[in-house]
């Protein structure tokens, strides 16, 4: 997903719950959401 975000394949990510977005912990969730924001993907 992150590779496709960098390629601008989509512009929106919807998740039911942040715990479903990543099981790597809250720190990784913040890293992923930061990358998505940098790629102009709404979250």
N, C-alpha and C. Protein backbone atom coordinates (compact mmCIF):
# COMPACT_ATOMS: atom_id res chain seq x y z
N UNK A 1 0.82 -1.18 0.00
CA UNK A 1 0.00 0.00 0.00
C UNK A 1 0.87 1.25 0.00
N UNK A 2 1.93 1.24 0.77
CA UNK A 2 2.78 2.43 0.85
C UNK A 2 3.44 2.73 -0.50
N UNK A 3 3.84 1.69 -1.20
CA UNK A 3 4.45 1.87 -2.52
C UNK A 3 3.43 2.50 -3.48
N UNK A 4 2.20 2.01 -3.44
CA UNK A 4 1.15 2.58 -4.29
C UNK A 4 0.81 4.01 -3.89
N UNK A 5 0.89 4.33 -2.61
CA UNK A 5 0.66 5.70 -2.16
C UNK A 5 1.71 6.63 -2.75
N UNK A 6 2.95 6.18 -2.77
CA UNK A 6 4.02 6.99 -3.33
C UNK A 6 3.85 7.17 -4.84
N UNK A 7 3.24 6.22 -5.49
CA UNK A 7 2.96 6.30 -6.93
C UNK A 7 1.68 7.08 -7.24
N UNK A 8 0.98 7.51 -6.18
CA UNK A 8 -0.27 8.26 -6.31
C UNK A 8 -1.37 7.43 -6.97
N UNK A 9 -1.42 6.15 -6.63
CA UNK A 9 -2.45 5.26 -7.18
C UNK A 9 -3.81 5.49 -6.51
N UNK A 10 -3.82 6.12 -5.37
CA UNK A 10 -5.06 6.42 -4.66
C UNK A 10 -4.86 7.68 -3.83
N UNK A 11 -5.95 8.26 -3.37
CA UNK A 11 -5.83 9.50 -2.59
C UNK A 11 -6.58 9.46 -1.27
N UNK A 12 -7.08 8.29 -0.90
CA UNK A 12 -7.83 8.18 0.35
C UNK A 12 -7.66 6.78 0.94
N UNK A 13 -7.47 6.73 2.26
CA UNK A 13 -7.44 5.45 2.99
C UNK A 13 -8.49 5.56 4.08
N UNK A 14 -9.34 4.55 4.15
CA UNK A 14 -10.35 4.50 5.21
C UNK A 14 -10.11 3.25 6.04
N UNK A 15 -10.13 3.42 7.33
CA UNK A 15 -9.99 2.28 8.24
C UNK A 15 -11.07 2.36 9.31
N UNK A 16 -11.51 1.23 9.74
CA UNK A 16 -12.53 1.16 10.77
C UNK A 16 -11.95 1.58 12.11
N UNK A 17 -10.74 1.12 12.38
CA UNK A 17 -10.11 1.35 13.68
C UNK A 17 -8.59 1.35 13.46
N UNK A 18 -7.88 2.25 14.13
CA UNK A 18 -6.43 2.31 13.96
C UNK A 18 -5.74 1.00 14.33
N UNK A 19 -6.34 0.24 15.22
CA UNK A 19 -5.74 -1.04 15.58
C UNK A 19 -5.79 -2.02 14.40
N UNK A 20 -6.67 -1.76 13.44
CA UNK A 20 -6.76 -2.58 12.23
C UNK A 20 -5.84 -2.09 11.12
N UNK A 21 -5.37 -0.86 11.26
CA UNK A 21 -4.51 -0.28 10.24
C UNK A 21 -3.11 -0.91 10.28
N UNK A 22 -2.60 -1.14 11.46
CA UNK A 22 -1.28 -1.76 11.62
C UNK A 22 -1.22 -2.50 12.94
N UNK A 23 -0.64 -3.65 12.91
CA UNK A 23 -0.47 -4.42 14.14
C UNK A 23 0.95 -4.31 14.68
N UNK A 24 1.70 -3.33 14.15
CA UNK A 24 3.09 -3.13 14.55
C UNK A 24 3.25 -2.17 15.72
N UNK A 25 2.15 -1.62 16.20
CA UNK A 25 2.22 -0.69 17.33
C UNK A 25 1.92 0.73 16.91
N UNK A 26 1.66 1.55 17.89
CA UNK A 26 1.23 2.92 17.64
C UNK A 26 2.31 3.75 16.96
N UNK A 27 3.56 3.48 17.27
CA UNK A 27 4.65 4.23 16.64
C UNK A 27 4.65 4.03 15.13
N UNK A 28 4.45 2.81 14.69
CA UNK A 28 4.39 2.51 13.25
C UNK A 28 3.15 3.13 12.61
N UNK A 29 2.05 3.17 13.34
CA UNK A 29 0.84 3.81 12.82
C UNK A 29 1.14 5.27 12.51
N UNK A 30 1.83 5.96 13.42
CA UNK A 30 2.19 7.35 13.18
C UNK A 30 3.14 7.49 12.00
N UNK A 31 4.08 6.57 11.86
CA UNK A 31 4.99 6.61 10.71
C UNK A 31 4.22 6.43 9.41
N UNK A 32 3.32 5.46 9.38
CA UNK A 32 2.54 5.19 8.17
C UNK A 32 1.63 6.36 7.81
N UNK A 33 0.95 6.92 8.80
CA UNK A 33 0.06 8.04 8.52
C UNK A 33 0.85 9.28 8.07
N UNK A 34 2.03 9.45 8.61
CA UNK A 34 2.89 10.56 8.19
C UNK A 34 3.29 10.38 6.73
N UNK A 35 3.68 9.17 6.35
CA UNK A 35 4.05 8.90 4.96
C UNK A 35 2.85 9.13 4.03
N UNK A 36 1.69 8.68 4.44
CA UNK A 36 0.49 8.87 3.63
C UNK A 36 0.21 10.38 3.45
N UNK A 37 0.37 11.14 4.49
CA UNK A 37 0.16 12.59 4.41
C UNK A 37 1.16 13.23 3.45
N UNK A 38 2.40 12.79 3.51
CA UNK A 38 3.43 13.31 2.60
C UNK A 38 3.11 12.98 1.15
N UNK A 39 2.41 11.90 0.93
CA UNK A 39 2.03 11.47 -0.42
C UNK A 39 0.68 12.04 -0.84
N UNK A 40 0.15 13.00 -0.06
CA UNK A 40 -1.15 13.63 -0.33
C UNK A 40 -2.30 12.65 -0.33
N UNK A 41 -2.22 11.65 0.55
CA UNK A 41 -3.30 10.70 0.72
C UNK A 41 -4.05 11.08 2.00
N UNK A 42 -5.36 11.27 1.86
CA UNK A 42 -6.19 11.60 3.02
C UNK A 42 -6.36 10.36 3.88
N UNK A 43 -6.48 10.59 5.16
CA UNK A 43 -6.60 9.48 6.09
C UNK A 43 -7.74 9.74 7.02
